[in-house]
Amino acid sequence: MEWDYSILDRSGYQIAKISKELLRMTDTYVIDVQDPENALDALMFVLAIDAEKCSRN
C-alpha cells in the first residue's frame, strides 16, 4: 500500500525508515533516522514521495 519505506546506502545499511501513520485526517509520516546527519536527506525523500502521490490525484 506504499506506507513503509527504507532508505539504504550502497552497502545495504539502513539509513532511515519511513512509515505512514494510519487513521489520521492528513498524511502523517514517522521518520526514524539512524544518524542525524542524514535527517535532511530523509525528509526530502518523504516530501518527494508525498508530492508524487499528490500529483496522482
Protein backbone atom coordinates (compact mmCIF):
# COMPACT_ATOMS: atom_id res chain seq x y z
CA MET A 1 0.00 0.00 0.00
CA GLU A 2 3.06 2.24 -0.19
CA TRP A 3 3.07 3.03 3.54
CA ASP A 4 6.50 1.86 4.68
CA TYR A 5 9.88 2.67 3.15
CA SER A 6 13.52 2.08 3.99
CA ILE A 7 16.41 4.15 2.70
CA LEU A 8 19.56 2.05 2.29
CA ASP A 9 23.09 3.05 1.42
CA ARG A 10 25.10 1.25 -1.27
CA SER A 11 26.22 -1.47 1.14
CA GLY A 12 22.65 -2.19 2.27
CA TYR A 13 22.91 -0.40 5.64
CA GLN A 14 19.60 1.17 6.67
CA ILE A 15 19.93 4.96 6.79
CA ALA A 16 16.29 5.70 7.61
CA LYS A 17 12.93 4.03 8.00
CA ILE A 18 9.77 5.86 6.99
CA SER A 19 6.29 4.70 7.92
CA LYS A 20 2.88 6.24 7.45
CA GLU A 21 0.65 6.61 10.50
CA LEU A 22 -2.82 5.29 9.91
CA LEU A 23 -6.16 6.76 10.99
CA ARG A 24 -5.09 10.39 10.61
CA MET A 25 -7.01 13.19 8.88
CA THR A 26 -3.92 14.06 6.82
CA ASP A 27 -0.92 12.08 5.60
CA THR A 28 1.43 11.74 8.57
CA TYR A 29 4.79 10.02 8.31
CA VAL A 30 7.22 8.90 11.01
CA ILE A 31 10.88 9.25 10.03
CA ASP A 32 13.35 7.19 12.04
CA VAL A 33 16.91 8.24 11.13
CA GLN A 34 19.93 6.32 12.40
CA ASP A 35 22.41 9.21 12.02
CA PRO A 36 21.19 12.82 12.49
CA GLU A 37 23.44 13.90 9.61
CA ASN A 38 21.03 12.05 7.26
CA ALA A 39 17.86 13.66 8.64
CA LEU A 40 17.54 16.32 5.92
CA ASP A 41 18.02 13.75 3.15
CA ALA A 42 15.34 11.51 4.70
CA LEU A 43 12.94 14.46 4.99
CA MET A 44 13.48 15.38 1.33
CA PHE A 45 12.77 11.75 0.38
CA VAL A 46 9.46 11.81 2.27
CA LEU A 47 8.48 15.13 0.71
CA ALA A 48 9.21 13.70 -2.75
CA ILE A 49 7.03 10.65 -2.02
CA ASP A 50 4.19 12.85 -0.80
CA ALA A 51 4.44 15.19 -3.79
CA GLU A 52 4.37 12.27 -6.22
CA LYS A 53 1.31 10.79 -4.52
CA CYS A 54 -0.47 14.16 -4.58
CA SER A 55 0.23 14.54 -8.30
CA ARG A 56 -1.67 11.31 -9.00
CA ASN A 57 -4.96 12.91 -7.95
